[in-house]
Amino acid sequence: MKIRGGISGSESQSMGVIMPAIFDLLYREYCRARLAEMRKQLLIAAERAEAAAADHRPATQADDEGTDAHRKTGHGLPN
């Protein structure tokens, strides 16, 4: 039996098996690529957080005294 467009019933059934397999393959590849992208973003974010933590140090009393000296003299911090 021929279906419109010249495709027989058996050809239609084989396409019915192939199409879900193709969609499954494409979806799995999309998910794999998306997970790789998310992992990359997490690594970049972790590296930035580590760099910020390495550059950060708590303020000390000496920092306050230096700021007070500039206020007392009326001179601002250099540009």
PDB file of N, CA and C in Angstrom:
ATOM      1  N   MET A   1       0.845  -1.186   0.000  1.00  0.00           N
ATOM      2  CA  MET A   1       0.000   0.000   0.000  1.00  0.00           C
ATOM      3  C   MET A   1       0.887   1.245   0.000  1.00  0.00           C
ATOM      4  N   LYS A   2       0.600   2.148  -0.893  1.00  0.00           N
ATOM      5  CA  LYS A   2       1.354   3.396  -0.989  1.00  0.00           C
ATOM      6  C   LYS A   2       0.619   4.496  -0.227  1.00  0.00           C
ATOM      7  N   ILE A   3       1.385   5.262   0.516  1.00  0.00           N
ATOM      8  CA  ILE A   3       0.851   6.418   1.237  1.00  0.00           C
ATOM      9  C   ILE A   3       1.214   7.659   0.427  1.00  0.00           C
ATOM     10  N   ARG A   4       0.501   8.736   0.622  1.00  0.00           N
ATOM     11  CA  ARG A   4       0.743   9.965  -0.115  1.00  0.00           C
ATOM     12  C   ARG A   4       2.229  10.320  -0.077  1.00  0.00           C
ATOM     13  N   GLY A   5       2.787  10.721  -1.179  1.00  0.00           N
ATOM     14  CA  GLY A   5       4.189  11.079  -1.264  1.00  0.00           C
ATOM     15  C   GLY A   5       5.055   9.919  -1.707  1.00  0.00           C
ATOM     16  N   GLY A   6       4.465   8.763  -1.995  1.00  0.00           N
ATOM     17  CA  GLY A   6       5.223   7.646  -2.523  1.00  0.00           C
ATOM     18  C   GLY A   6       5.935   6.813  -1.481  1.00  0.00           C
ATOM     19  N   ILE A   7       5.572   6.893  -0.199  1.00  0.00           N
ATOM     20  CA  ILE A   7       6.209   6.098   0.853  1.00  0.00           C
ATOM     21  C   ILE A   7       5.285   4.934   1.177  1.00  0.00           C
ATOM     22  N   SER A   8       5.804   3.712   1.154  1.00  0.00           N
ATOM     23  CA  SER A   8       4.984   2.547   1.482  1.00  0.00           C
ATOM     24  C   SER A   8       4.813   2.441   2.987  1.00  0.00           C
ATOM     25  N   GLY A   9       3.904   1.595   3.412  1.00  0.00           N
ATOM     26  CA  GLY A   9       3.638   1.417   4.836  1.00  0.00           C
ATOM     27  C   GLY A   9       4.844   0.918   5.609  1.00  0.00           C
ATOM     28  N   SER A  10       5.619  -0.007   5.030  1.00  0.00           N
ATOM     29  CA  SER A  10       6.795  -0.533   5.727  1.00  0.00           C
ATOM     30  C   SER A  10       7.887   0.531   5.854  1.00  0.00           C
ATOM     31  N   GLU A  11       8.015   1.383   4.822  1.00  0.00           N
ATOM     32  CA  GLU A  11       8.990   2.478   4.910  1.00  0.00           C
ATOM     33  C   GLU A  11       8.576   3.470   5.987  1.00  0.00           C
ATOM     34  N   SER A  12       7.292   3.700   6.083  1.00  0.00           N
ATOM     35  CA  SER A  12       6.778   4.612   7.099  1.00  0.00           C
ATOM     36  C   SER A  12       7.039   4.068   8.498  1.00  0.00           C
ATOM     37  N   GLN A  13       6.876   2.756   8.671  1.00  0.00           N
ATOM     38  CA  GLN A  13       7.122   2.143   9.974  1.00  0.00           C
ATOM     39  C   GLN A  13       8.595   2.227  10.344  1.00  0.00           C
ATOM     40  N   SER A  14       9.498   2.024   9.375  1.00  0.00           N
ATOM     41  CA  SER A  14      10.931   2.109   9.694  1.00  0.00           C
ATOM     42  C   SER A  14      11.316   3.541  10.047  1.00  0.00           C
ATOM     43  N   MET A  15      10.697   4.522   9.386  1.00  0.00           N
ATOM     44  CA  MET A  15      10.960   5.916   9.750  1.00  0.00           C
ATOM     45  C   MET A  15      10.401   6.197  11.143  1.00  0.00           C
ATOM     46  N   GLY A  16       9.306   5.517  11.486  1.00  0.00           N
ATOM     47  CA  GLY A  16       8.733   5.676  12.814  1.00  0.00           C
ATOM     48  C   GLY A  16       9.665   5.181  13.900  1.00  0.00           C
ATOM     49  N   VAL A  17      10.561   4.290  13.571  1.00  0.00           N
ATOM     50  CA  VAL A  17      11.553   3.783  14.525  1.00  0.00           C
ATOM     51  C   VAL A  17      12.799   4.681  14.511  1.00  0.00           C
ATOM     52  N   ILE A  18      13.167   5.149  13.339  1.00  0.00           N
ATOM     53  CA  ILE A  18      14.395   5.936  13.189  1.00  0.00           C
ATOM     54  C   ILE A  18      14.239   7.341  13.786  1.00  0.00           C
ATOM     55  N   MET A  19      13.113   7.982  13.548  1.00  0.00           N
ATOM     56  CA  MET A  19      12.942   9.366  14.009  1.00  0.00           C
ATOM     57  C   MET A  19      13.088   9.499  15.529  1.00  0.00           C
ATOM     58  N   PRO A  20      12.428   8.669  16.345  1.00  0.00           N
ATOM     59  CA  PRO A  20      12.645   8.791  17.792  1.00  0.00           C
ATOM     60  C   PRO A  20      14.103   8.551  18.182  1.00  0.00           C
ATOM     61  N   ALA A  21      14.778   7.650  17.469  1.00  0.00           N
ATOM     62  CA  ALA A  21      16.191   7.386  17.766  1.00  0.00           C
ATOM     63  C   ALA A  21      17.035   8.608  17.453  1.00  0.00           C
ATOM     64  N   ILE A  22      16.718   9.290  16.349  1.00  0.00           N
ATOM     65  CA  ILE A  22      17.461  10.507  15.996  1.00  0.00           C
ATOM     66  C   ILE A  22      17.196  11.593  17.028  1.00  0.00           C
ATOM     67  N   PHE A  23      15.948  11.779  17.405  1.00  0.00           N
ATOM     68  CA  PHE A  23      15.630  12.795  18.415  1.00  0.00           C
ATOM     69  C   PHE A  23      16.305  12.481  19.749  1.00  0.00           C
ATOM     70  N   ASP A  24      16.325  11.199  20.102  1.00  0.00           N
ATOM     71  CA  ASP A  24      16.979  10.783  21.339  1.00  0.00           C
ATOM     72  C   ASP A  24      18.469  11.102  21.289  1.00  0.00           C
ATOM     73  N   LEU A  25      19.099  10.793  20.167  1.00  0.00           N
ATOM     74  CA  LEU A  25      20.518  11.077  19.997  1.00  0.00           C
ATOM     75  C   LEU A  25      20.803  12.581  20.077  1.00  0.00           C
ATOM     76  N   LEU A  26      19.993  13.364  19.382  1.00  0.00           N
ATOM     77  CA  LEU A  26      20.176  14.820  19.412  1.00  0.00           C
ATOM     78  C   LEU A  26      19.966  15.383  20.813  1.00  0.00           C
ATOM     79  N   TYR A  27      18.950  14.883  21.506  1.00  0.00           N
ATOM     80  CA  TYR A  27      18.673  15.366  22.862  1.00  0.00           C
ATOM     81  C   TYR A  27      19.807  15.009  23.815  1.00  0.00           C
ATOM     82  N   ARG A  28      20.334  13.797  23.709  1.00  0.00           N
ATOM     83  CA  ARG A  28      21.462  13.394  24.564  1.00  0.00           C
ATOM     84  C   ARG A  28      22.687  14.247  24.294  1.00  0.00           C
ATOM     85  N   GLU A  29      22.950  14.534  23.035  1.00  0.00           N
ATOM     86  CA  GLU A  29      24.102  15.373  22.678  1.00  0.00           C
ATOM     87  C   GLU A  29      23.915  16.791  23.220  1.00  0.00           C
ATOM     88  N   TYR A  30      22.684  17.317  23.105  1.00  0.00           N
ATOM     89  CA  TYR A  30      22.393  18.639  23.651  1.00  0.00           C
ATOM     90  C   TYR A  30      22.635  18.661  25.159  1.00  0.00           C
ATOM     91  N   CYS A  31      22.152  17.653  25.853  1.00  0.00           N
ATOM     92  CA  CYS A  31      22.329  17.584  27.309  1.00  0.00           C
ATOM     93  C   CYS A  31      23.804  17.477  27.685  1.00  0.00           C
ATOM     94  N   ARG A  32      24.562  16.673  26.935  1.00  0.00           N
ATOM     95  CA  ARG A  32      25.993  16.523  27.203  1.00  0.00           C
ATOM     96  C   ARG A  32      26.720  17.854  27.036  1.00  0.00           C
ATOM     97  N   ALA A  33      26.400  18.569  25.949  1.00  0.00           N
ATOM     98  CA  ALA A  33      27.036  19.857  25.694  1.00  0.00           C
ATOM     99  C   ALA A  33      26.640  20.882  26.754  1.00  0.00           C
ATOM    100  N   ARG A  34      25.374  20.865  27.148  1.00  0.00           N
ATOM    101  CA  ARG A  34      24.889  21.817  28.170  1.00  0.00           C
ATOM    102  C   ARG A  34      25.563  21.558  29.515  1.00  0.00           C
ATOM    103  N   LEU A  35      25.707  20.295  29.902  1.00  0.00           N
ATOM    104  CA  LEU A  35      26.386  19.965  31.153  1.00  0.00           C
ATOM    105  C   LEU A  35      27.849  20.396  31.115  1.00  0.00           C
ATOM    106  N   ALA A  36      28.504  20.198  29.978  1.00  0.00           N
ATOM    107  CA  ALA A  36      29.901  20.626  29.838  1.00  0.00           C
ATOM    108  C   ALA A  36      30.002  22.136  29.990  1.00  0.00           C
ATOM    109  N   GLU A  37      29.044  22.865  29.424  1.00  0.00           N
ATOM    110  CA  GLU A  37      29.040  24.325  29.535  1.00  0.00           C
ATOM    111  C   GLU A  37      28.818  24.763  30.988  1.00  0.00           C
ATOM    112  N   MET A  38      27.900  24.091  31.676  1.00  0.00           N
ATOM    113  CA  MET A  38      27.634  24.441  33.078  1.00  0.00           C
ATOM    114  C   MET A  38      28.839  24.149  33.955  1.00  0.00           C
ATOM    115  N   ARG A  39      29.510  23.026  33.710  1.00  0.00           N
ATOM    116  CA  ARG A  39      30.716  22.709  34.477  1.00  0.00           C
ATOM    117  C   ARG A  39      31.789  23.763  34.252  1.00  0.00           C
ATOM    118  N   LYS A  40      31.936  24.201  33.011  1.00  0.00           N
ATOM    119  CA  LYS A  40      32.926  25.229  32.684  1.00  0.00           C
ATOM    120  C   LYS A  40      32.605  26.517  33.435  1.00  0.00           C
ATOM    121  N   GLN A  41      31.328  26.911  33.455  1.00  0.00           N
ATOM    122  CA  GLN A  41      30.926  28.127  34.160  1.00  0.00           C
ATOM    123  C   GLN A  41      31.183  28.003  35.659  1.00  0.00           C
ATOM    124  N   LEU A  42      30.932  26.827  36.222  1.00  0.00           N
ATOM    125  CA  LEU A  42      31.203  26.622  37.647  1.00  0.00           C
ATOM    126  C   LEU A  42      32.685  26.721  37.946  1.00  0.00           C
ATOM    127  N   LEU A  43      33.523  26.181  37.064  1.00  0.00           N
ATOM    128  CA  LEU A  43      34.971  26.276  37.264  1.00  0.00           C
ATOM    129  C   LEU A  43      35.440  27.715  37.190  1.00  0.00           C
ATOM    130  N   ILE A  44      34.905  28.480  36.244  1.00  0.00           N
ATOM    131  CA  ILE A  44      35.278  29.892  36.117  1.00  0.00           C
ATOM    132  C   ILE A  44      34.846  30.647  37.364  1.00  0.00           C
ATOM    133  N   ALA A  45      33.623  30.408  37.847  1.00  0.00           N
ATOM    134  CA  ALA A  45      33.129  31.085  39.040  1.00  0.00           C
ATOM    135  C   ALA A  45      33.972  30.716  40.259  1.00  0.00           C
ATOM    136  N   ALA A  46      34.367  29.457  40.373  1.00  0.00           N
ATOM    137  CA  ALA A  46      35.191  29.026  41.510  1.00  0.00           C
ATOM    138  C   ALA A  46      36.568  29.683  41.461  1.00  0.00           C
ATOM    139  N   GLU A  47      37.147  29.793  40.270  1.00  0.00           N
ATOM    140  CA  GLU A  47      38.457  30.441  40.134  1.00  0.00           C
ATOM    141  C   GLU A  47      38.375  31.908  40.524  1.00  0.00           C
ATOM    142  N   ARG A  48      37.301  32.580  40.121  1.00  0.00           N
ATOM    143  CA  ARG A  48      37.126  33.998  40.468  1.00  0.00           C
ATOM    144  C   ARG A  48      36.958  34.166  41.977  1.00  0.00           C
ATOM    145  N   ALA A  49      36.201  33.271  42.600  1.00  0.00           N
ATOM    146  CA  ALA A  49      35.987  33.353  44.044  1.00  0.00           C
ATOM    147  C   ALA A  49      37.298  33.126  44.792  1.00  0.00           C
ATOM    148  N   GLU A  50      38.102  32.171  44.323  1.00  0.00           N
ATOM    149  CA  GLU A  50      39.396  31.913  44.960  1.00  0.00           C
ATOM    150  C   GLU A  50      40.325  33.110  44.800  1.00  0.00           C
ATOM    151  N   ALA A  51      40.313  33.744  43.630  1.00  0.00           N
ATOM    152  CA  ALA A  51      41.164  34.906  43.394  1.00  0.00           C
ATOM    153  C   ALA A  51      40.723  36.071  44.288  1.00  0.00           C
ATOM    154  N   ALA A  52      39.425  36.267  44.428  1.00  0.00           N
ATOM    155  CA  ALA A  52      38.926  37.349  45.283  1.00  0.00           C
ATOM    156  C   ALA A  52      39.276  37.080  46.741  1.00  0.00           C
ATOM    157  N   ALA A  53      39.183  35.834  47.165  1.00  0.00           N
ATOM    158  CA  ALA A  53      39.518  35.486  48.546  1.00  0.00           C
ATOM    159  C   ALA A  53      41.011  35.667  48.803  1.00  0.00           C
ATOM    160  N   ALA A  54      41.828  35.386  47.806  1.00  0.00           N
ATOM    161  CA  ALA A  54      43.275  35.537  47.967  1.00  0.00           C
ATOM    162  C   ALA A  54      43.658  37.011  48.060  1.00  0.00           C
ATOM    163  N   ASP A  55      42.953  37.882  47.360  1.00  0.00           N
ATOM    164  CA  ASP A  55      43.265  39.315  47.375  1.00  0.00           C
ATOM    165  C   ASP A  55      42.701  40.021  48.596  1.00  0.00           C
ATOM    166  N   HIS A  56      41.756  39.419  49.268  1.00  0.00           N
ATOM    167  CA  HIS A  56      41.077  40.064  50.392  1.00  0.00           C
ATOM    168  C   HIS A  56      41.866  39.868  51.681  1.00  0.00           C
ATOM    169  N   ARG A  57      42.021  40.934  52.428  1.00  0.00           N
ATOM    170  CA  ARG A  57      42.587  40.830  53.773  1.00  0.00           C
ATOM    171  C   ARG A  57      41.739  41.700  54.688  1.00  0.00           C
ATOM    172  N   PRO A  58      41.563  41.297  55.913  1.00  0.00           N
ATOM    173  CA  PRO A  58      40.744  42.077  56.829  1.00  0.00           C
ATOM    174  C   PRO A  58      41.401  43.434  57.123  1.00  0.00           C
ATOM    175  N   ALA A  59      40.582  44.427  57.391  1.00  0.00           N
ATOM    176  CA  ALA A  59      41.090  45.753  57.731  1.00  0.00           C
ATOM    177  C   ALA A  59      41.770  45.708  59.097  1.00  0.00           C
ATOM    178  N   THR A  60      42.783  46.535  59.274  1.00  0.00           N
ATOM    179  CA  THR A  60      43.501  46.607  60.540  1.00  0.00           C
ATOM    180  C   THR A  60      43.400  48.022  61.108  1.00  0.00           C
ATOM    181  N   GLN A  61      43.867  48.192  62.316  1.00  0.00           N
ATOM    182  CA  GLN A  61      43.855  49.497  62.951  1.00  0.00           C
ATOM    183  C   GLN A  61      44.722  50.481  62.169  1.00  0.00           C
ATOM    184  N   ALA A  62      45.808  50.004  61.597  1.00  0.00           N
ATOM    185  CA  ALA A  62      46.700  50.873  60.820  1.00  0.00           C
ATOM    186  C   ALA A  62      45.971  51.463  59.614  1.00  0.00           C
ATOM    187  N   ASP A  63      45.066  50.721  59.021  1.00  0.00           N
ATOM    188  CA  ASP A  63      44.290  51.247  57.896  1.00  0.00           C
ATOM    189  C   ASP A  63      43.448  52.429  58.348  1.00  0.00           C
ATOM    190  N   ASP A  64      42.849  52.336  59.520  1.00  0.00           N
ATOM    191  CA  ASP A  64      42.042  53.425  60.060  1.00  0.00           C
ATOM    192  C   ASP A  64      42.895  54.649  60.350  1.00  0.00           C
ATOM    193  N   GLU A  65      44.065  54.448  60.925  1.00  0.00           N
ATOM    194  CA  GLU A  65      44.942  55.567  61.272  1.00  0.00           C
ATOM    195  C   GLU A  65      45.416  56.299  60.024  1.00  0.00           C
ATOM    196  N   GLY A  66      45.696  55.585  58.964  1.00  0.00           N
ATOM    197  CA  GLY A  66      46.111  56.215  57.708  1.00  0.00           C
ATOM    198  C   GLY A  66      45.003  57.072  57.135  1.00  0.00           C
ATOM    199  N   THR A  67      43.784  56.619  57.225  1.00  0.00           N
ATOM    200  CA  THR A  67      42.642  57.382  56.729  1.00  0.00           C
ATOM    201  C   THR A  67      42.428  58.613  57.588  1.00  0.00           C
ATOM    202  N   ASP A  68      42.566  58.476  58.903  1.00  0.00           N
ATOM    203  CA  ASP A  68      42.410  59.614  59.809  1.00  0.00           C
ATOM    204  C   ASP A  68      43.460  60.684  59.534  1.00  0.00           C
ATOM    205  N   ALA A  69      44.682  60.315  59.209  1.00  0.00           N
ATOM    206  CA  ALA A  69      45.750  61.283  58.941  1.00  0.00           C
ATOM    207  C   ALA A  69      45.369  62.151  57.741  1.00  0.00           C
ATOM    208  N   HIS A  70      44.788  61.583  56.729  1.00  0.00           N
ATOM    209  CA  HIS A  70      44.383  62.355  55.553  1.00  0.00           C
ATOM    210  C   HIS A  70      43.234  63.292  55.897  1.00  0.00           C
ATOM    211  N   ARG A  71      42.350  62.884  56.762  1.00  0.00           N
ATOM    212  CA  ARG A  71      41.233  63.742  57.162  1.00  0.00           C
ATOM    213  C   ARG A  71      41.726  64.923  57.984  1.00  0.00           C
ATOM    214  N   LYS A  72      42.709  64.698  58.865  1.00  0.00           N
ATOM    215  CA  LYS A  72      43.204  65.757  59.740  1.00  0.00           C
ATOM    216  C   LYS A  72      43.958  66.819  58.957  1.00  0.00           C
ATOM    217  N   THR A  73      44.702  66.442  57.933  1.00  0.00           N
ATOM    218  CA  THR A  73      45.489  67.409  57.179  1.00  0.00           C
ATOM    219  C   THR A  73      44.657  68.130  56.147  1.00  0.00           C
ATOM    220  N   GLY A  74      43.488  67.593  55.838  1.00  0.00           N
ATOM    221  CA  GLY A  74      42.639  68.218  54.839  1.00  0.00           C
ATOM    222  C   GLY A  74      43.005  67.795  53.423  1.00  0.00           C
ATOM    223  N   HIS A  75      44.003  66.954  53.294  1.00  0.00           N
ATOM    224  CA  HIS A  75      44.393  66.442  51.978  1.00  0.00           C
ATOM    225  C   HIS A  75      43.677  65.137  51.728  1.00  0.00           C
ATOM    226  N   GLY A  76      43.197  64.998  50.541  1.00  0.00           N
ATOM    227  CA  GLY A  76      42.549  63.722  50.175  1.00  0.00           C
ATOM    228  C   GLY A  76      43.594  62.694  49.768  1.00  0.00           C
ATOM    229  N   LEU A  77      43.148  61.523  49.520  1.00  0.00           N
ATOM    230  CA  LEU A  77      44.030  60.485  49.029  1.00  0.00           C
ATOM    231  C   LEU A  77      44.479  60.835  47.609  1.00  0.00           C
ATOM    232  N   PRO A  78      45.713  60.487  47.252  1.00  0.00           N
ATOM    233  CA  PRO A  78      46.173  60.800  45.889  1.00  0.00           C
ATOM    234  C   PRO A  78      45.367  60.030  44.850  1.00  0.00           C
ATOM    235  N   ASN A  79      45.223  60.638  43.668  1.00  0.00           N
ATOM    236  CA  ASN A  79      44.456  59.994  42.594  1.00  0.00           C
ATOM    237  C   ASN A  79      45.246  58.955  41.921  1.00  0.00           C
TER     238      ASN A  79
END
